[in-house]
């Protein structure tokens, strides 16, 4: 590491440091900001370290409290117990896939057709359902409850 101190006429003094082929130049203000940022980052790292240690103790306590009382190597816990631990650690919980059967009631207006049968066919053939999350959706059946001319 090489360090330079320079002061030019009419400009603020600077400190330059060369580390591994890269030269950094600081004014008094930028050097003060760098030191303050370092102190702030150190505080944040200390907080993260405390949280990490606390999480480690939480995990240890979680498993210790679920050890088999017969001094075996078995640990008994449910997915709900594990999700409680994960929730407490602020991480994603274990999930499973679910299926849902839903009923959608809709009203379609403005169907142009020469007769009721044609209007029914147009309505049934043009229903689309979208699901915006991960997963698949398909329409098992379209049951037309009623159809009538608009007034």
N, C-alpha and C. Protein backbone atom coordinates (compact mmCIF):
# COMPACT_ATOMS: atom_id res chain seq x y z
N UNK A 1 0.85 -1.16 0.00
CA UNK A 1 0.00 0.00 0.00
C UNK A 1 0.90 1.23 0.00
N UNK A 2 0.61 2.15 -0.91
CA UNK A 2 1.36 3.40 -1.00
C UNK A 2 0.40 4.54 -0.69
N UNK A 3 0.85 5.51 0.09
CA UNK A 3 -0.03 6.60 0.50
C UNK A 3 0.61 7.93 0.09
N UNK A 4 -0.21 8.83 -0.44
CA UNK A 4 0.26 10.14 -0.88
C UNK A 4 -0.59 11.21 -0.21
N UNK A 5 0.02 12.32 0.13
CA UNK A 5 -0.71 13.47 0.65
C UNK A 5 -0.38 14.64 -0.26
N UNK A 6 -1.40 15.26 -0.79
CA UNK A 6 -1.13 16.40 -1.67
C UNK A 6 -2.04 17.56 -1.30
N UNK A 7 -1.51 18.75 -1.52
CA UNK A 7 -2.29 19.95 -1.31
C UNK A 7 -1.91 20.90 -2.43
N UNK A 8 -2.90 21.24 -3.25
CA UNK A 8 -2.63 22.14 -4.36
C UNK A 8 -3.16 23.52 -4.01
N UNK A 9 -2.60 24.55 -4.66
CA UNK A 9 -3.07 25.91 -4.42
C UNK A 9 -4.54 26.03 -4.77
N UNK A 10 -5.34 26.52 -3.81
CA UNK A 10 -6.74 26.80 -4.09
C UNK A 10 -7.66 25.59 -4.05
N UNK A 11 -7.14 24.39 -3.83
CA UNK A 11 -8.03 23.23 -3.77
C UNK A 11 -7.91 22.58 -2.40
N UNK A 12 -8.86 21.76 -2.10
CA UNK A 12 -8.87 21.05 -0.83
C UNK A 12 -7.77 19.99 -0.82
N UNK A 13 -7.13 19.79 0.31
CA UNK A 13 -6.10 18.75 0.38
C UNK A 13 -6.72 17.37 0.14
N UNK A 14 -5.94 16.47 -0.39
CA UNK A 14 -6.41 15.11 -0.65
C UNK A 14 -5.43 14.10 -0.10
N UNK A 15 -5.93 12.91 0.13
CA UNK A 15 -5.11 11.78 0.50
C UNK A 15 -5.35 10.73 -0.56
N UNK A 16 -4.28 10.21 -1.14
CA UNK A 16 -4.40 9.15 -2.15
C UNK A 16 -3.74 7.90 -1.62
N UNK A 17 -4.40 6.80 -1.83
CA UNK A 17 -3.88 5.50 -1.39
C UNK A 17 -3.95 4.56 -2.56
N UNK A 18 -2.87 3.85 -2.82
CA UNK A 18 -2.86 2.85 -3.88
C UNK A 18 -2.87 1.47 -3.23
N UNK A 19 -3.90 0.69 -3.56
CA UNK A 19 -4.04 -0.67 -3.03
C UNK A 19 -4.18 -1.61 -4.21
N UNK A 20 -3.25 -2.50 -4.35
CA UNK A 20 -3.31 -3.52 -5.40
C UNK A 20 -3.53 -2.97 -6.79
N UNK A 21 -2.85 -1.96 -7.16
CA UNK A 21 -2.95 -1.43 -8.52
C UNK A 21 -4.07 -0.43 -8.72
N UNK A 22 -4.89 -0.19 -7.70
CA UNK A 22 -5.97 0.79 -7.80
C UNK A 22 -5.67 1.94 -6.87
N UNK A 23 -5.76 3.15 -7.41
CA UNK A 23 -5.46 4.35 -6.63
C UNK A 23 -6.78 4.99 -6.20
N UNK A 24 -6.92 5.26 -4.90
CA UNK A 24 -8.11 5.90 -4.33
C UNK A 24 -7.68 7.27 -3.81
N UNK A 25 -8.46 8.30 -4.17
CA UNK A 25 -8.16 9.65 -3.73
C UNK A 25 -9.35 10.17 -2.92
N UNK A 26 -9.06 10.70 -1.74
CA UNK A 26 -10.10 11.15 -0.83
C UNK A 26 -9.85 12.59 -0.43
N UNK A 27 -10.95 13.34 -0.36
CA UNK A 27 -10.89 14.66 0.27
C UNK A 27 -11.17 14.44 1.75
N UNK A 28 -11.03 15.48 2.53
CA UNK A 28 -11.31 15.38 3.96
C UNK A 28 -12.76 14.92 4.18
N UNK A 29 -13.68 15.47 3.40
CA UNK A 29 -15.11 15.13 3.53
C UNK A 29 -15.37 13.68 3.12
N UNK A 30 -14.80 13.27 1.98
CA UNK A 30 -15.07 11.90 1.52
C UNK A 30 -14.42 10.87 2.44
N UNK A 31 -13.27 11.22 3.04
CA UNK A 31 -12.62 10.32 3.99
C UNK A 31 -13.46 10.21 5.27
N UNK A 32 -14.02 11.32 5.72
CA UNK A 32 -14.90 11.31 6.90
C UNK A 32 -16.13 10.44 6.62
N UNK A 33 -16.73 10.62 5.42
CA UNK A 33 -17.90 9.81 5.04
C UNK A 33 -17.55 8.33 5.01
N UNK A 34 -16.40 8.00 4.48
CA UNK A 34 -15.97 6.60 4.39
C UNK A 34 -15.82 5.99 5.79
N UNK A 35 -15.25 6.75 6.71
CA UNK A 35 -15.08 6.25 8.08
C UNK A 35 -16.44 6.07 8.75
N UNK A 36 -17.35 7.05 8.56
CA UNK A 36 -18.69 6.94 9.14
C UNK A 36 -19.44 5.74 8.55
N UNK A 37 -19.32 5.51 7.24
CA UNK A 37 -19.97 4.37 6.60
C UNK A 37 -19.40 3.06 7.15
N UNK A 38 -18.08 3.03 7.35
CA UNK A 38 -17.45 1.83 7.91
C UNK A 38 -18.00 1.54 9.29
N UNK A 39 -18.15 2.58 10.11
CA UNK A 39 -18.70 2.40 11.45
C UNK A 39 -20.14 1.90 11.39
N UNK A 40 -20.91 2.44 10.45
CA UNK A 40 -22.31 2.02 10.28
C UNK A 40 -22.38 0.56 9.83
N UNK A 41 -21.53 0.20 8.88
CA UNK A 41 -21.51 -1.19 8.39
C UNK A 41 -21.08 -2.13 9.51
N UNK A 42 -20.13 -1.70 10.33
CA UNK A 42 -19.69 -2.54 11.46
C UNK A 42 -20.85 -2.77 12.42
N UNK A 43 -21.63 -1.73 12.71
CA UNK A 43 -22.80 -1.89 13.58
C UNK A 43 -23.81 -2.87 12.97
N UNK A 44 -24.07 -2.73 11.67
CA UNK A 44 -25.00 -3.64 11.00
C UNK A 44 -24.49 -5.07 11.04
N UNK A 45 -23.19 -5.26 10.81
CA UNK A 45 -22.61 -6.61 10.86
C UNK A 45 -22.72 -7.19 12.27
N UNK A 46 -22.52 -6.36 13.29
CA UNK A 46 -22.66 -6.84 14.66
C UNK A 46 -24.10 -7.28 14.92
N UNK A 47 -25.08 -6.52 14.41
CA UNK A 47 -26.49 -6.88 14.58
C UNK A 47 -26.80 -8.20 13.86
N UNK A 48 -26.26 -8.35 12.66
CA UNK A 48 -26.48 -9.59 11.90
C UNK A 48 -25.85 -10.77 12.64
N UNK A 49 -24.67 -10.56 13.19
CA UNK A 49 -24.01 -11.63 13.93
C UNK A 49 -24.84 -12.04 15.14
N UNK A 50 -25.40 -11.05 15.87
CA UNK A 50 -26.25 -11.36 17.03
C UNK A 50 -27.50 -12.12 16.59
N UNK A 51 -28.12 -11.69 15.47
CA UNK A 51 -29.31 -12.38 14.96
C UNK A 51 -28.98 -13.81 14.54
N UNK A 52 -27.83 -13.98 13.91
CA UNK A 52 -27.42 -15.30 13.46
C UNK A 52 -27.20 -16.23 14.65
N UNK A 53 -26.52 -15.72 15.68
CA UNK A 53 -26.31 -16.53 16.88
C UNK A 53 -27.64 -16.87 17.54
N UNK A 54 -28.53 -15.90 17.60
CA UNK A 54 -29.85 -16.13 18.20
C UNK A 54 -30.62 -17.18 17.41
N UNK A 55 -30.55 -17.10 16.08
CA UNK A 55 -31.22 -18.10 15.24
C UNK A 55 -30.62 -19.48 15.49
N UNK A 56 -29.32 -19.54 15.68
CA UNK A 56 -28.67 -20.82 15.97
C UNK A 56 -29.19 -21.41 17.28
N UNK A 57 -29.33 -20.55 18.29
CA UNK A 57 -29.87 -21.03 19.57
C UNK A 57 -31.32 -21.47 19.40
N UNK A 58 -32.10 -20.73 18.60
CA UNK A 58 -33.50 -21.10 18.35
C UNK A 58 -33.58 -22.48 17.69
N UNK A 59 -32.72 -22.72 16.71
CA UNK A 59 -32.72 -24.01 16.01
C UNK A 59 -32.32 -25.12 16.98
N UNK A 60 -31.28 -24.86 17.76
CA UNK A 60 -30.84 -25.88 18.74
C UNK A 60 -31.97 -26.19 19.72
N UNK A 61 -32.62 -25.16 20.25
CA UNK A 61 -33.72 -25.35 21.21
C UNK A 61 -34.88 -26.10 20.56
N UNK A 62 -35.15 -25.78 19.29
CA UNK A 62 -36.23 -26.46 18.56
C UNK A 62 -35.99 -27.97 18.55
N UNK A 63 -34.79 -28.37 18.17
CA UNK A 63 -34.51 -29.80 18.08
C UNK A 63 -34.31 -30.43 19.46
N UNK A 64 -33.68 -29.70 20.37
CA UNK A 64 -33.48 -30.23 21.72
C UNK A 64 -34.81 -30.55 22.39
N UNK A 65 -35.79 -29.68 22.20
CA UNK A 65 -37.09 -29.89 22.84
C UNK A 65 -37.89 -31.03 22.20
N UNK A 66 -37.46 -31.49 21.06
CA UNK A 66 -38.18 -32.56 20.36
C UNK A 66 -37.43 -33.88 20.34
N UNK A 67 -36.32 -33.93 21.06
CA UNK A 67 -35.59 -35.19 21.13
C UNK A 67 -36.44 -36.22 21.84
N UNK A 68 -36.29 -37.46 21.40
CA UNK A 68 -37.00 -38.56 22.04
C UNK A 68 -36.51 -38.68 23.48
N UNK A 69 -37.44 -38.79 24.42
CA UNK A 69 -37.07 -38.83 25.84
C UNK A 69 -36.39 -40.15 26.23
N UNK A 70 -36.33 -41.11 25.34
CA UNK A 70 -35.70 -42.41 25.64
C UNK A 70 -34.21 -42.41 25.30
N UNK A 71 -33.63 -41.24 25.14
CA UNK A 71 -32.20 -41.11 24.81
C UNK A 71 -31.82 -41.83 23.52
N UNK A 72 -32.71 -41.80 22.55
CA UNK A 72 -32.38 -42.35 21.24
C UNK A 72 -31.97 -41.19 20.35
N UNK A 73 -31.62 -41.50 19.12
CA UNK A 73 -31.24 -40.45 18.17
C UNK A 73 -32.44 -39.87 17.44
N UNK A 74 -33.64 -40.25 17.84
CA UNK A 74 -34.84 -39.81 17.14
C UNK A 74 -35.28 -38.43 17.60
N UNK A 75 -35.69 -37.63 16.63
CA UNK A 75 -36.28 -36.32 16.90
C UNK A 75 -37.65 -36.33 16.24
N UNK A 76 -38.67 -36.00 17.00
CA UNK A 76 -40.03 -36.03 16.49
C UNK A 76 -40.56 -34.61 16.32
N UNK A 77 -40.96 -34.29 15.11
CA UNK A 77 -41.59 -32.99 14.86
C UNK A 77 -42.47 -33.10 13.64
N UNK A 78 -43.43 -32.22 13.56
CA UNK A 78 -44.35 -32.19 12.43
C UNK A 78 -43.94 -31.09 11.46
N UNK A 79 -44.54 -31.11 10.30
CA UNK A 79 -44.29 -30.05 9.32
C UNK A 79 -44.74 -28.71 9.91
N UNK A 80 -45.82 -28.73 10.67
CA UNK A 80 -46.30 -27.51 11.32
C UNK A 80 -45.25 -26.96 12.29
N UNK A 81 -44.61 -27.87 13.05
CA UNK A 81 -43.53 -27.45 13.97
C UNK A 81 -42.38 -26.83 13.19
N UNK A 82 -41.99 -27.48 12.10
CA UNK A 82 -40.87 -26.98 11.29
C UNK A 82 -41.22 -25.63 10.68
N UNK A 83 -42.46 -25.49 10.20
CA UNK A 83 -42.87 -24.21 9.63
C UNK A 83 -42.88 -23.11 10.68
N UNK A 84 -43.22 -23.44 11.91
CA UNK A 84 -43.17 -22.46 13.00
C UNK A 84 -41.73 -21.98 13.20
N UNK A 85 -40.79 -22.91 13.18
CA UNK A 85 -39.37 -22.55 13.30
C UNK A 85 -38.94 -21.68 12.12
N UNK A 86 -39.27 -22.10 10.92
CA UNK A 86 -38.87 -21.35 9.72
C UNK A 86 -39.49 -19.95 9.72
N UNK A 87 -40.75 -19.84 10.12
CA UNK A 87 -41.42 -18.54 10.21
C UNK A 87 -40.68 -17.65 11.20
N UNK A 88 -40.29 -18.22 12.34
CA UNK A 88 -39.54 -17.46 13.34
C UNK A 88 -38.19 -17.00 12.84
N UNK A 89 -37.59 -17.77 11.93
CA UNK A 89 -36.30 -17.39 11.36
C UNK A 89 -36.45 -16.41 10.20
N UNK A 90 -37.70 -16.19 9.77
CA UNK A 90 -37.95 -15.25 8.68
C UNK A 90 -37.63 -15.81 7.31
N UNK A 91 -37.74 -17.14 7.15
CA UNK A 91 -37.48 -17.76 5.85
C UNK A 91 -38.74 -18.46 5.36
N UNK A 92 -38.72 -18.86 4.08
CA UNK A 92 -39.88 -19.52 3.49
C UNK A 92 -40.18 -20.83 4.21
N UNK A 93 -41.46 -21.07 4.37
CA UNK A 93 -41.91 -22.29 5.02
C UNK A 93 -41.96 -23.45 4.02
N UNK A 94 -42.01 -24.66 4.55
CA UNK A 94 -42.23 -25.83 3.70
C UNK A 94 -43.64 -25.73 3.12
N UNK A 95 -43.78 -26.14 1.89
CA UNK A 95 -45.10 -26.06 1.27
C UNK A 95 -45.49 -27.41 0.70
N UNK A 96 -46.72 -27.51 0.33
CA UNK A 96 -47.22 -28.67 -0.40
C UNK A 96 -48.15 -28.15 -1.47
N UNK A 97 -48.45 -28.99 -2.43
CA UNK A 97 -49.35 -28.54 -3.49
C UNK A 97 -50.79 -28.84 -3.08
N UNK A 98 -51.67 -28.01 -3.55
CA UNK A 98 -53.09 -28.11 -3.24
C UNK A 98 -53.89 -28.06 -4.53
N UNK A 99 -55.05 -28.66 -4.51
CA UNK A 99 -55.98 -28.57 -5.63
C UNK A 99 -57.27 -27.93 -5.12
N UNK A 100 -57.91 -27.17 -5.95
CA UNK A 100 -59.16 -26.51 -5.57
C UNK A 100 -60.18 -26.71 -6.68
N UNK A 101 -61.39 -26.99 -6.28
CA UNK A 101 -62.50 -27.02 -7.23
C UNK A 101 -63.31 -25.77 -6.93
N UNK A 102 -63.52 -24.95 -7.94
CA UNK A 102 -64.19 -23.68 -7.72
C UNK A 102 -65.41 -23.56 -8.63
N UNK A 103 -66.33 -22.72 -8.24
CA UNK A 103 -67.52 -22.43 -9.04
C UNK A 103 -67.44 -20.95 -9.40
N UNK A 104 -67.49 -20.67 -10.67
CA UNK A 104 -67.46 -19.29 -11.15
C UNK A 104 -68.82 -19.00 -11.76
N UNK A 105 -69.46 -17.97 -11.29
CA UNK A 105 -70.73 -17.54 -11.88
C UNK A 105 -70.45 -16.25 -12.64
N UNK A 106 -70.83 -16.23 -13.89
CA UNK A 106 -70.55 -15.06 -14.72
C UNK A 106 -71.80 -14.71 -15.53
N UNK A 107 -71.89 -13.48 -15.93
CA UNK A 107 -72.95 -13.02 -16.82
C UNK A 107 -72.29 -12.47 -18.07
N UNK A 108 -72.72 -12.96 -19.20
CA UNK A 108 -72.20 -12.48 -20.48
C UNK A 108 -73.32 -11.70 -21.14
N UNK A 109 -73.01 -10.51 -21.61
CA UNK A 109 -74.01 -9.71 -22.33
C UNK A 109 -73.48 -9.42 -23.73
N UNK A 110 -74.36 -9.06 -24.59
CA UNK A 110 -73.97 -8.63 -25.93
C UNK A 110 -73.64 -9.77 -26.88
N UNK A 111 -74.15 -10.98 -26.63
CA UNK A 111 -73.89 -12.10 -27.55
C UNK A 111 -74.79 -11.90 -28.77
N UNK A 112 -74.17 -11.77 -29.91
CA UNK A 112 -74.95 -11.62 -31.14
C UNK A 112 -75.11 -12.98 -31.79
N UNK A 113 -76.38 -13.42 -31.90
CA UNK A 113 -76.67 -14.72 -32.50
C UNK A 113 -78.08 -14.69 -33.08
N UNK A 114 -78.33 -15.51 -34.10
CA UNK A 114 -79.65 -15.50 -34.72
C UNK A 114 -80.72 -16.22 -33.88
N UNK A 115 -80.26 -17.10 -32.95
CA UNK A 115 -81.24 -17.83 -32.12
C UNK A 115 -80.60 -18.25 -30.81
N UNK A 116 -81.42 -18.83 -29.92
CA UNK A 116 -80.97 -19.20 -28.59
C UNK A 116 -79.90 -20.28 -28.63
N UNK A 117 -80.07 -21.30 -29.47
CA UNK A 117 -79.10 -22.39 -29.56
C UNK A 117 -77.72 -21.88 -29.97
N UNK A 118 -77.70 -21.00 -30.96
CA UNK A 118 -76.44 -20.42 -31.43
C UNK A 118 -75.80 -19.56 -30.32
N UNK A 119 -76.62 -18.81 -29.58
CA UNK A 119 -76.12 -17.98 -28.48
C UNK A 119 -75.51 -18.87 -27.39
N UNK A 120 -76.15 -20.00 -27.08
CA UNK A 120 -75.62 -20.94 -26.09
C UNK A 120 -74.26 -21.49 -26.53
N UNK A 121 -74.18 -21.86 -27.80
CA UNK A 121 -72.94 -22.42 -28.33
C UNK A 121 -71.81 -21.39 -28.29
N UNK A 122 -72.11 -20.16 -28.68
CA UNK A 122 -71.11 -19.09 -28.65
C UNK A 122 -70.63 -18.87 -27.21
N UNK A 123 -71.55 -18.83 -26.26
CA UNK A 123 -71.19 -18.60 -24.86
C UNK A 123 -70.31 -19.73 -24.33
N UNK A 124 -70.69 -20.97 -24.56
CA UNK A 124 -69.95 -22.13 -24.05
C UNK A 124 -68.56 -22.25 -24.69
N UNK A 125 -68.47 -21.96 -25.97
CA UNK A 125 -67.21 -22.14 -26.69
C UNK A 125 -66.19 -21.02 -26.48
N UNK A 126 -66.59 -19.94 -25.86
CA UNK A 126 -65.70 -18.80 -25.73
C UNK A 126 -65.38 -18.41 -24.29
N UNK A 127 -65.52 -19.33 -23.39
CA UNK A 127 -65.17 -19.09 -21.99
C UNK A 127 -63.69 -19.44 -21.79
N UNK A 128 -62.93 -18.51 -21.24
CA UNK A 128 -61.53 -18.75 -20.88
C UNK A 128 -61.35 -18.39 -19.42
N UNK A 129 -60.55 -19.18 -18.71
CA UNK A 129 -60.25 -18.92 -17.32
C UNK A 129 -58.73 -18.89 -17.19
N UNK A 130 -58.20 -17.86 -16.54
CA UNK A 130 -56.77 -17.73 -16.34
C UNK A 130 -56.45 -17.82 -14.85
N UNK A 131 -55.32 -18.44 -14.54
CA UNK A 131 -54.82 -18.53 -13.18
C UNK A 131 -53.44 -17.90 -13.19
N UNK A 132 -53.22 -16.88 -12.36
CA UNK A 132 -52.00 -16.08 -12.48
C UNK A 132 -50.88 -16.50 -11.54
N UNK A 133 -51.01 -17.58 -10.81
CA UNK A 133 -49.94 -18.11 -9.97
C UNK A 133 -49.36 -19.34 -10.66
N UNK A 134 -48.30 -19.93 -10.02
CA UNK A 134 -47.79 -21.19 -10.52
C UNK A 134 -48.87 -22.24 -10.34
N UNK A 135 -49.00 -23.11 -11.29
CA UNK A 135 -50.02 -24.16 -11.23
C UNK A 135 -50.75 -24.23 -12.55
N UNK A 136 -51.59 -25.20 -12.66
CA UNK A 136 -52.35 -25.42 -13.90
C UNK A 136 -53.83 -25.25 -13.61
N UNK A 137 -54.57 -24.80 -14.60
CA UNK A 137 -56.01 -24.68 -14.49
C UNK A 137 -56.62 -25.16 -15.79
N UNK A 138 -57.71 -25.85 -15.68
CA UNK A 138 -58.47 -26.24 -16.85
C UNK A 138 -59.94 -26.22 -16.49
N UNK A 139 -60.76 -26.03 -17.49
CA UNK A 139 -62.21 -25.98 -17.29
C UNK A 139 -62.75 -27.38 -17.52
N UNK A 140 -63.33 -27.95 -16.48
CA UNK A 140 -63.92 -29.29 -16.58
C UNK A 140 -65.26 -29.26 -17.30
N UNK A 141 -66.04 -28.23 -17.02
CA UNK A 141 -67.39 -28.20 -17.56
C UNK A 141 -67.88 -26.76 -17.57
N UNK A 142 -68.62 -26.41 -18.57
CA UNK A 142 -69.31 -25.13 -18.61
C UNK A 142 -70.79 -25.44 -18.60
N UNK A 143 -71.45 -25.04 -17.54
CA UNK A 143 -72.88 -25.31 -17.38
C UNK A 143 -73.61 -23.99 -17.56
N UNK A 144 -74.36 -23.88 -18.61
CA UNK A 144 -75.11 -22.66 -18.90
C UNK A 144 -76.41 -22.70 -18.09
N UNK A 145 -76.56 -21.77 -17.15
CA UNK A 145 -77.72 -21.78 -16.27
C UNK A 145 -78.96 -21.23 -16.93
N UNK A 146 -78.81 -20.16 -17.69
CA UNK A 146 -79.97 -19.62 -18.41
C UNK A 146 -79.49 -18.73 -19.53
N UNK A 147 -80.34 -18.55 -20.49
CA UNK A 147 -80.05 -17.64 -21.60
C UNK A 147 -81.35 -17.02 -22.05
N UNK A 148 -81.35 -15.73 -22.30
CA UNK A 148 -82.56 -15.02 -22.69
C UNK A 148 -82.18 -13.81 -23.54
N UNK A 149 -83.12 -13.39 -24.38
CA UNK A 149 -82.84 -12.19 -25.19
C UNK A 149 -82.71 -10.96 -24.30
N UNK A 150 -81.81 -10.06 -24.67
CA UNK A 150 -81.70 -8.80 -23.94
C UNK A 150 -82.83 -7.88 -24.36
N UNK A 151 -83.26 -7.04 -23.45
CA UNK A 151 -84.35 -6.11 -23.76
C UNK A 151 -83.82 -4.89 -24.44
